């Protein structure tokens, strides 16, 4: 039975591959993006099946999230699956250094505060507010025959555990997302809504190409005993499985997905 799926941050990388994987499984997908509408439409054009759409919105602005969910539900009929994939990675060059991000020793207080506010507003608060709106719709609107009440998958990060010294707000936001997902798993289980998270390591997206192709690429690959990094397609396949009825008993889990590059 076809499901309605909302994937945030779906204009490129993992989000785009997640949208493709759900569409290939016969589901209808809304691809959310913040501003890269043309790029998201290129992804949309390649999706199999019908009933897909592109919608834009800034998840860092909580006032616009209810309208995004309402419009998505209007396109899909009902949101059966939510994938919280959108994330902000503050990568502004640090003055006087080739490093990027907001490492404490090299970042002014004002820039530090700004980085934390921007990152948490999207990566954690945005996902939380979107989850509230989608979960309430899941509770209020009956699913189609043969479709379960709902599934929510959060795309977190290995950095929540391994640490992100140059972008600590990013690592903290992903740790918060994992914890939030577990809280929601307990809260929503009585309503037959599952909530899981995936914590990938390094992924070979176009945004990561510069690092992987540069001098540090071999060291990044060597973090895993497989001597490679994940592909977006591998992450997407895991997300689709986590949202499947067969994975229902994994609700509350955080799936480490890093090729044994970090064990805990």
C-alpha atoms as a PDB file:
ATOM      1  CA  UNK A   1       0.000   0.000   0.000  1.00  0.00           C
ATOM      2  CA  UNK A   2       1.396   3.410  -0.990  1.00  0.00           C
ATOM      3  CA  UNK A   3       2.314   5.695   1.904  1.00  0.00           C
ATOM      4  CA  UNK A   4       2.668   9.453   2.099  1.00  0.00           C
ATOM      5  CA  UNK A   5       6.241  10.388   3.043  1.00  0.00           C
ATOM      6  CA  UNK A   6       7.678  13.782   4.009  1.00  0.00           C
ATOM      7  CA  UNK A   7      11.475  13.995   3.704  1.00  0.00           C
ATOM      8  CA  UNK A   8      13.148  17.178   4.910  1.00  0.00           C
ATOM      9  CA  UNK A   9      16.339  18.453   3.321  1.00  0.00           C
ATOM     10  CA  UNK A  10      15.670  16.428   0.186  1.00  0.00           C
ATOM     11  CA  UNK A  11      17.288  18.595  -2.488  1.00  0.00           C
ATOM     12  CA  UNK A  12      20.637  16.776  -2.359  1.00  0.00           C
ATOM     13  CA  UNK A  13      22.734  14.171  -0.600  1.00  0.00           C
ATOM     14  CA  UNK A  14      21.117  11.719   1.783  1.00  0.00           C
ATOM     15  CA  UNK A  15      17.727  13.430   1.656  1.00  0.00           C
ATOM     16  CA  UNK A  16      17.526  13.120  -2.118  1.00  0.00           C
ATOM     17  CA  UNK A  17      18.479   9.441  -1.982  1.00  0.00           C
ATOM     18  CA  UNK A  18      15.917   8.808   0.766  1.00  0.00           C
ATOM     19  CA  UNK A  19      13.220  10.378  -1.411  1.00  0.00           C
ATOM     20  CA  UNK A  20      14.289   8.209  -4.347  1.00  0.00           C
ATOM     21  CA  UNK A  21      14.252   5.052  -2.235  1.00  0.00           C
ATOM     22  CA  UNK A  22      10.742   5.643  -0.903  1.00  0.00           C
ATOM     23  CA  UNK A  23       9.457   6.486  -4.378  1.00  0.00           C
ATOM     24  CA  UNK A  24      11.061   3.323  -5.766  1.00  0.00           C
ATOM     25  CA  UNK A  25       9.138   1.373  -3.116  1.00  0.00           C
ATOM     26  CA  UNK A  26       5.895   2.818  -4.452  1.00  0.00           C
ATOM     27  CA  UNK A  27       5.388   5.587  -1.903  1.00  0.00           C
ATOM     28  CA  UNK A  28       4.390   9.191  -2.601  1.00  0.00           C
ATOM     29  CA  UNK A  29       6.976  11.709  -1.449  1.00  0.00           C
ATOM     30  CA  UNK A  30       7.066  15.395  -0.558  1.00  0.00           C
ATOM     31  CA  UNK A  31      10.613  16.676  -0.931  1.00  0.00           C
ATOM     32  CA  UNK A  32      11.213  19.540   1.453  1.00  0.00           C
ATOM     33  CA  UNK A  33      13.982  22.064   0.904  1.00  0.00           C
ATOM     34  CA  UNK A  34      14.862  25.400   2.438  1.00  0.00           C
ATOM     35  CA  UNK A  35      15.788  27.364  -0.668  1.00  0.00           C
ATOM     36  CA  UNK A  36      17.209  25.002  -3.306  1.00  0.00           C
ATOM     37  CA  UNK A  37      13.876  24.577  -5.061  1.00  0.00           C
ATOM     38  CA  UNK A  38      15.353  24.100  -8.533  1.00  0.00           C
ATOM     39  CA  UNK A  39      17.692  21.384  -7.302  1.00  0.00           C
ATOM     40  CA  UNK A  40      14.829  19.659  -5.471  1.00  0.00           C
ATOM     41  CA  UNK A  41      12.745  19.776  -8.642  1.00  0.00           C
ATOM     42  CA  UNK A  42      15.563  18.041 -10.497  1.00  0.00           C
ATOM     43  CA  UNK A  43      15.358  15.227  -7.949  1.00  0.00           C
ATOM     44  CA  UNK A  44      11.577  15.227  -8.277  1.00  0.00           C
ATOM     45  CA  UNK A  45      11.779  14.850 -12.044  1.00  0.00           C
ATOM     46  CA  UNK A  46      13.663  11.586 -11.650  1.00  0.00           C
ATOM     47  CA  UNK A  47      11.311   9.953  -9.165  1.00  0.00           C
ATOM     48  CA  UNK A  48       9.269   6.975 -10.352  1.00  0.00           C
ATOM     49  CA  UNK A  49       5.537   6.992  -9.803  1.00  0.00           C
ATOM     50  CA  UNK A  50       3.126   9.846  -9.235  1.00  0.00           C
ATOM     51  CA  UNK A  51       1.875  12.048  -6.408  1.00  0.00           C
ATOM     52  CA  UNK A  52       5.232  13.608  -5.497  1.00  0.00           C
ATOM     53  CA  UNK A  53       5.871  17.299  -4.836  1.00  0.00           C
ATOM     54  CA  UNK A  54       8.465  19.856  -3.749  1.00  0.00           C
ATOM     55  CA  UNK A  55       7.726  22.226  -0.869  1.00  0.00           C
ATOM     56  CA  UNK A  56      10.057  24.801   0.649  1.00  0.00           C
ATOM     57  CA  UNK A  57      10.309  26.239   4.118  1.00  0.00           C
ATOM     58  CA  UNK A  58      12.803  27.323   6.775  1.00  0.00           C
ATOM     59  CA  UNK A  59      12.668  24.823   9.637  1.00  0.00           C
ATOM     60  CA  UNK A  60      14.489  27.355  11.786  1.00  0.00           C
ATOM     61  CA  UNK A  61      11.317  29.453  11.789  1.00  0.00           C
ATOM     62  CA  UNK A  62       8.698  27.668  13.924  1.00  0.00           C
ATOM     63  CA  UNK A  63       5.888  29.901  12.662  1.00  0.00           C
ATOM     64  CA  UNK A  64       6.053  28.365   9.184  1.00  0.00           C
ATOM     65  CA  UNK A  65       6.163  24.696  10.193  1.00  0.00           C
ATOM     66  CA  UNK A  66       2.408  24.122  10.700  1.00  0.00           C
ATOM     67  CA  UNK A  67       1.714  25.436   7.195  1.00  0.00           C
ATOM     68  CA  UNK A  68       4.415  23.184   5.736  1.00  0.00           C
ATOM     69  CA  UNK A  69       2.831  20.145   7.357  1.00  0.00           C
ATOM     70  CA  UNK A  70      -0.663  21.156   6.315  1.00  0.00           C
ATOM     71  CA  UNK A  71       0.426  21.651   2.730  1.00  0.00           C
ATOM     72  CA  UNK A  72       2.334  18.360   2.728  1.00  0.00           C
ATOM     73  CA  UNK A  73      -0.701  16.518   4.066  1.00  0.00           C
ATOM     74  CA  UNK A  74      -2.794  18.174   1.387  1.00  0.00           C
ATOM     75  CA  UNK A  75      -0.492  16.858  -1.326  1.00  0.00           C
ATOM     76  CA  UNK A  76      -0.150  13.365   0.130  1.00  0.00           C
ATOM     77  CA  UNK A  77      -3.610  12.956   1.614  1.00  0.00           C
ATOM     78  CA  UNK A  78      -1.924  11.934   4.864  1.00  0.00           C
ATOM     79  CA  UNK A  79       1.654  11.916   6.139  1.00  0.00           C
ATOM     80  CA  UNK A  80       2.378   8.326   7.096  1.00  0.00           C
ATOM     81  CA  UNK A  81       6.166   8.650   7.363  1.00  0.00           C
ATOM     82  CA  UNK A  82       8.324  11.596   8.443  1.00  0.00           C
ATOM     83  CA  UNK A  83      12.072  11.634   7.854  1.00  0.00           C
ATOM     84  CA  UNK A  84      13.802  14.396   9.834  1.00  0.00           C
ATOM     85  CA  UNK A  85      16.880  14.712   7.640  1.00  0.00           C
ATOM     86  CA  UNK A  86      17.386  18.486   7.224  1.00  0.00           C
ATOM     87  CA  UNK A  87      20.378  19.808   9.124  1.00  0.00           C
ATOM     88  CA  UNK A  88      22.492  22.923   9.268  1.00  0.00           C
ATOM     89  CA  UNK A  89      26.272  22.580   9.439  1.00  0.00           C
ATOM     90  CA  UNK A  90      27.833  25.935  10.269  1.00  0.00           C
ATOM     91  CA  UNK A  91      30.941  25.946   8.096  1.00  0.00           C
ATOM     92  CA  UNK A  92      32.041  29.543   7.995  1.00  0.00           C
ATOM     93  CA  UNK A  93      35.848  29.916   7.811  1.00  0.00           C
ATOM     94  CA  UNK A  94      37.466  30.768  11.112  1.00  0.00           C
ATOM     95  CA  UNK A  95      39.469  33.996  10.969  1.00  0.00           C
ATOM     96  CA  UNK A  96      43.183  33.431  10.650  1.00  0.00           C
ATOM     97  CA  UNK A  97      42.786  29.680  10.173  1.00  0.00           C
ATOM     98  CA  UNK A  98      42.056  27.122   7.460  1.00  0.00           C
ATOM     99  CA  UNK A  99      39.705  25.332   9.838  1.00  0.00           C
ATOM    100  CA  UNK A 100      35.959  25.652   9.497  1.00  0.00           C
ATOM    101  CA  UNK A 101      33.179  25.735  12.023  1.00  0.00           C
ATOM    102  CA  UNK A 102      33.235  27.311  15.465  1.00  0.00           C
ATOM    103  CA  UNK A 103      36.034  25.744  17.548  1.00  0.00           C
ATOM    104  CA  UNK A 104      36.043  27.371  20.980  1.00  0.00           C
ATOM    105  CA  UNK A 105      39.628  28.633  20.953  1.00  0.00           C
ATOM    106  CA  UNK A 106      39.241  30.422  17.619  1.00  0.00           C
ATOM    107  CA  UNK A 107      35.678  31.759  17.798  1.00  0.00           C
ATOM    108  CA  UNK A 108      34.469  35.035  19.256  1.00  0.00           C
ATOM    109  CA  UNK A 109      31.662  34.904  21.799  1.00  0.00           C
ATOM    110  CA  UNK A 110      29.157  36.560  19.464  1.00  0.00           C
ATOM    111  CA  UNK A 111      29.979  34.119  16.647  1.00  0.00           C
ATOM    112  CA  UNK A 112      29.801  31.229  19.114  1.00  0.00           C
ATOM    113  CA  UNK A 113      26.325  32.220  20.255  1.00  0.00           C
ATOM    114  CA  UNK A 114      25.163  32.759  16.683  1.00  0.00           C
ATOM    115  CA  UNK A 115      26.445  29.326  15.586  1.00  0.00           C
ATOM    116  CA  UNK A 116      24.656  27.573  18.445  1.00  0.00           C
ATOM    117  CA  UNK A 117      21.409  29.420  17.897  1.00  0.00           C
ATOM    118  CA  UNK A 118      21.355  28.791  14.143  1.00  0.00           C
ATOM    119  CA  UNK A 119      22.310  25.131  14.458  1.00  0.00           C
ATOM    120  CA  UNK A 120      19.911  24.174  17.234  1.00  0.00           C
ATOM    121  CA  UNK A 121      17.046  26.113  15.673  1.00  0.00           C
ATOM    122  CA  UNK A 122      17.125  23.861  12.604  1.00  0.00           C
ATOM    123  CA  UNK A 123      18.705  20.578  13.660  1.00  0.00           C
ATOM    124  CA  UNK A 124      16.914  20.079  16.959  1.00  0.00           C
ATOM    125  CA  UNK A 125      14.103  22.556  17.499  1.00  0.00           C
ATOM    126  CA  UNK A 126      12.956  22.420  13.876  1.00  0.00           C
ATOM    127  CA  UNK A 127      12.813  18.625  13.960  1.00  0.00           C
ATOM    128  CA  UNK A 128      10.952  18.719  17.273  1.00  0.00           C
ATOM    129  CA  UNK A 129       8.351  21.213  16.067  1.00  0.00           C
ATOM    130  CA  UNK A 130       7.882  19.356  12.785  1.00  0.00           C
ATOM    131  CA  UNK A 131       7.461  16.091  14.677  1.00  0.00           C
ATOM    132  CA  UNK A 132       4.755  17.642  16.870  1.00  0.00           C
ATOM    133  CA  UNK A 133       2.786  18.811  13.851  1.00  0.00           C
ATOM    134  CA  UNK A 134       3.159  15.564  11.904  1.00  0.00           C
ATOM    135  CA  UNK A 135       2.466  13.318  14.894  1.00  0.00           C
ATOM    136  CA  UNK A 136      -0.704  15.233  15.716  1.00  0.00           C
ATOM    137  CA  UNK A 137      -1.844  14.738  12.133  1.00  0.00           C
ATOM    138  CA  UNK A 138      -1.044  11.028  12.425  1.00  0.00           C
ATOM    139  CA  UNK A 139      -3.203  10.869  15.539  1.00  0.00           C
ATOM    140  CA  UNK A 140      -6.119  12.825  14.098  1.00  0.00           C
ATOM    141  CA  UNK A 141      -6.315  11.392  10.565  1.00  0.00           C
ATOM    142  CA  UNK A 142      -6.980   7.695  10.094  1.00  0.00           C
ATOM    143  CA  UNK A 143      -4.468   5.825   7.894  1.00  0.00           C
ATOM    144  CA  UNK A 144      -5.541   3.973   4.775  1.00  0.00           C
ATOM    145  CA  UNK A 145      -6.293   0.272   5.030  1.00  0.00           C
ATOM    146  CA  UNK A 146      -3.100  -1.706   5.280  1.00  0.00           C
ATOM    147  CA  UNK A 147      -1.000   1.281   6.420  1.00  0.00           C
ATOM    148  CA  UNK A 148       0.147   1.609  10.022  1.00  0.00           C
ATOM    149  CA  UNK A 149      -0.531   4.711  12.066  1.00  0.00           C
ATOM    150  CA  UNK A 150       2.895   6.256  11.507  1.00  0.00           C
ATOM    151  CA  UNK A 151       6.687   6.063  11.448  1.00  0.00           C
ATOM    152  CA  UNK A 152       9.237   8.784  12.175  1.00  0.00           C
ATOM    153  CA  UNK A 153      12.933   8.422  11.375  1.00  0.00           C
ATOM    154  CA  UNK A 154      15.519  10.938  12.562  1.00  0.00           C
ATOM    155  CA  UNK A 155      18.826  11.247  10.711  1.00  0.00           C
ATOM    156  CA  UNK A 156      21.355  11.886  13.443  1.00  0.00           C
ATOM    157  CA  UNK A 157      25.119  11.486  13.415  1.00  0.00           C
ATOM    158  CA  UNK A 158      28.073   9.517  14.723  1.00  0.00           C
ATOM    159  CA  UNK A 159      29.306  12.937  15.841  1.00  0.00           C
ATOM    160  CA  UNK A 160      26.806  12.857  18.690  1.00  0.00           C
ATOM    161  CA  UNK A 161      29.041  10.245  20.336  1.00  0.00           C
ATOM    162  CA  UNK A 162      32.457  10.616  18.727  1.00  0.00           C
ATOM    163  CA  UNK A 163      32.529  14.373  19.220  1.00  0.00           C
ATOM    164  CA  UNK A 164      32.724  17.321  16.822  1.00  0.00           C
ATOM    165  CA  UNK A 165      35.476  19.605  18.156  1.00  0.00           C
ATOM    166  CA  UNK A 166      35.266  22.100  15.280  1.00  0.00           C
ATOM    167  CA  UNK A 167      31.452  22.133  15.123  1.00  0.00           C
ATOM    168  CA  UNK A 168      30.325  21.326  18.676  1.00  0.00           C
ATOM    169  CA  UNK A 169      26.850  22.753  18.115  1.00  0.00           C
ATOM    170  CA  UNK A 170      26.302  20.218  15.331  1.00  0.00           C
ATOM    171  CA  UNK A 171      27.359  17.272  17.488  1.00  0.00           C
ATOM    172  CA  UNK A 172      25.231  18.471  20.382  1.00  0.00           C
ATOM    173  CA  UNK A 173      22.223  19.023  18.141  1.00  0.00           C
ATOM    174  CA  UNK A 174      22.449  15.445  16.856  1.00  0.00           C
ATOM    175  CA  UNK A 175      22.814  14.057  20.384  1.00  0.00           C
ATOM    176  CA  UNK A 176      19.719  16.021  21.310  1.00  0.00           C
ATOM    177  CA  UNK A 177      17.908  14.657  18.262  1.00  0.00           C
ATOM    178  CA  UNK A 178      18.706  11.091  19.307  1.00  0.00           C
ATOM    179  CA  UNK A 179      17.425  11.755  22.838  1.00  0.00           C
ATOM    180  CA  UNK A 180      14.337  13.502  21.513  1.00  0.00           C
ATOM    181  CA  UNK A 181      13.599  10.523  19.275  1.00  0.00           C
ATOM    182  CA  UNK A 182      13.768   8.143  22.205  1.00  0.00           C
ATOM    183  CA  UNK A 183      11.414  10.314  24.234  1.00  0.00           C
ATOM    184  CA  UNK A 184       8.962  10.373  21.344  1.00  0.00           C
ATOM    185  CA  UNK A 185       9.302   6.607  20.865  1.00  0.00           C
ATOM    186  CA  UNK A 186       7.981   6.074  24.386  1.00  0.00           C
ATOM    187  CA  UNK A 187       5.342   8.791  24.031  1.00  0.00           C
ATOM    188  CA  UNK A 188       3.931   7.616  20.708  1.00  0.00           C
ATOM    189  CA  UNK A 189       4.187   3.833  21.037  1.00  0.00           C
ATOM    190  CA  UNK A 190       0.693   3.539  22.589  1.00  0.00           C
ATOM    191  CA  UNK A 191      -0.623   5.149  19.390  1.00  0.00           C
ATOM    192  CA  UNK A 192       1.209   2.671  17.105  1.00  0.00           C
ATOM    193  CA  UNK A 193       3.680   5.307  15.881  1.00  0.00           C
ATOM    194  CA  UNK A 194       7.317   4.217  15.784  1.00  0.00           C
ATOM    195  CA  UNK A 195      10.262   6.574  16.212  1.00  0.00           C
ATOM    196  CA  UNK A 196      13.823   5.549  15.375  1.00  0.00           C
ATOM    197  CA  UNK A 197      17.097   7.304  14.625  1.00  0.00           C
ATOM    198  CA  UNK A 198      20.119   6.524  12.497  1.00  0.00           C
ATOM    199  CA  UNK A 199      23.599   7.795  13.364  1.00  0.00           C
ATOM    200  CA  UNK A 200      25.729   7.666  10.185  1.00  0.00           C
ATOM    201  CA  UNK A 201      29.435   8.283  10.047  1.00  0.00           C
ATOM    202  CA  UNK A 202      31.100   9.985   7.091  1.00  0.00           C
ATOM    203  CA  UNK A 203      29.027   9.801   3.901  1.00  0.00           C
ATOM    204  CA  UNK A 204      30.191  10.271   0.313  1.00  0.00           C
ATOM    205  CA  UNK A 205      27.882  13.129  -0.613  1.00  0.00           C
ATOM    206  CA  UNK A 206      28.717  15.894  -3.069  1.00  0.00           C
ATOM    207  CA  UNK A 207      29.248  18.240  -0.123  1.00  0.00           C
ATOM    208  CA  UNK A 208      31.889  15.865   1.272  1.00  0.00           C
ATOM    209  CA  UNK A 209      33.693  15.409  -2.032  1.00  0.00           C
ATOM    210  CA  UNK A 210      36.253  18.112  -1.329  1.00  0.00           C
ATOM    211  CA  UNK A 211      37.331  16.428   1.895  1.00  0.00           C
ATOM    212  CA  UNK A 212      37.353  12.928   0.444  1.00  0.00           C
ATOM    213  CA  UNK A 213      39.252  13.958  -2.683  1.00  0.00           C
ATOM    214  CA  UNK A 214      41.777  16.047  -0.768  1.00  0.00           C
ATOM    215  CA  UNK A 215      44.838  15.153   1.319  1.00  0.00           C
ATOM    216  CA  UNK A 216      42.684  14.076   4.284  1.00  0.00           C
ATOM    217  CA  UNK A 217      40.594  11.664   2.238  1.00  0.00           C
ATOM    218  CA  UNK A 218      42.685   8.574   2.975  1.00  0.00           C
ATOM    219  CA  UNK A 219      42.609   9.289   6.710  1.00  0.00           C
ATOM    220  CA  UNK A 220      38.831   9.684   6.653  1.00  0.00           C
ATOM    221  CA  UNK A 221      38.393   6.380   4.840  1.00  0.00           C
ATOM    222  CA  UNK A 222      40.819   4.684   7.211  1.00  0.00           C
ATOM    223  CA  UNK A 223      38.547   5.468  10.152  1.00  0.00           C
ATOM    224  CA  UNK A 224      36.598   2.372   9.102  1.00  0.00           C
ATOM    225  CA  UNK A 225      38.217  -1.063   8.853  1.00  0.00           C
ATOM    226  CA  UNK A 226      36.396  -1.347   5.524  1.00  0.00           C
ATOM    227  CA  UNK A 227      38.601   1.559   4.366  1.00  0.00           C
ATOM    228  CA  UNK A 228      35.740   3.502   2.840  1.00  0.00           C
ATOM    229  CA  UNK A 229      32.843   5.735   3.811  1.00  0.00           C
ATOM    230  CA  UNK A 230      29.118   5.137   3.443  1.00  0.00           C
ATOM    231  CA  UNK A 231      27.213   5.916   0.268  1.00  0.00           C
ATOM    232  CA  UNK A 232      24.010   7.992   0.425  1.00  0.00           C
ATOM    233  CA  UNK A 233      22.177   5.017  -1.089  1.00  0.00           C
ATOM    234  CA  UNK A 234      23.220   2.797   1.835  1.00  0.00           C
ATOM    235  CA  UNK A 235      21.928   5.320   4.356  1.00  0.00           C
ATOM    236  CA  UNK A 236      18.675   5.711   2.404  1.00  0.00           C
ATOM    237  CA  UNK A 237      18.099   1.951   2.369  1.00  0.00           C
ATOM    238  CA  UNK A 238      18.500   1.852   6.147  1.00  0.00           C
ATOM    239  CA  UNK A 239      16.073   4.745   6.603  1.00  0.00           C
ATOM    240  CA  UNK A 240      13.449   3.028   4.452  1.00  0.00           C
ATOM    241  CA  UNK A 241      13.854  -0.144   6.507  1.00  0.00           C
ATOM    242  CA  UNK A 242      13.514   1.741   9.807  1.00  0.00           C
ATOM    243  CA  UNK A 243      10.219   3.171   8.540  1.00  0.00           C
ATOM    244  CA  UNK A 244       8.916  -0.255   7.507  1.00  0.00           C
ATOM    245  CA  UNK A 245       6.401  -2.346   9.474  1.00  0.00           C
ATOM    246  CA  UNK A 246       9.060  -5.067   9.754  1.00  0.00           C
ATOM    247  CA  UNK A 247      11.255  -2.695  11.782  1.00  0.00           C
ATOM    248  CA  UNK A 248       8.513  -1.744  14.220  1.00  0.00           C
ATOM    249  CA  UNK A 249      10.132  -3.434  17.209  1.00  0.00           C
ATOM    250  CA  UNK A 250      13.228  -1.246  16.763  1.00  0.00           C
ATOM    251  CA  UNK A 251      11.283   1.830  17.917  1.00  0.00           C
ATOM    252  CA  UNK A 252      13.427   3.862  20.286  1.00  0.00           C
ATOM    253  CA  UNK A 253      16.680   2.560  18.821  1.00  0.00           C
ATOM    254  CA  UNK A 254      19.560   4.645  17.518  1.00  0.00           C
ATOM    255  CA  UNK A 255      21.198   2.677  14.714  1.00  0.00           C
ATOM    256  CA  UNK A 256      24.964   3.152  14.553  1.00  0.00           C
ATOM    257  CA  UNK A 257      25.729   3.225  10.835  1.00  0.00           C
ATOM    258  CA  UNK A 258      29.411   3.936  10.503  1.00  0.00           C
ATOM    259  CA  UNK A 259      31.214   0.855   9.153  1.00  0.00           C
ATOM    260  CA  UNK A 260      32.704   0.066  12.594  1.00  0.00           C
ATOM    261  CA  UNK A 261      34.527   3.406  12.531  1.00  0.00           C
ATOM    262  CA  UNK A 262      33.248   4.217  16.020  1.00  0.00           C
ATOM    263  CA  UNK A 263      32.056   1.630  18.508  1.00  0.00           C
ATOM    264  CA  UNK A 264      30.370   2.344  21.824  1.00  0.00           C
END
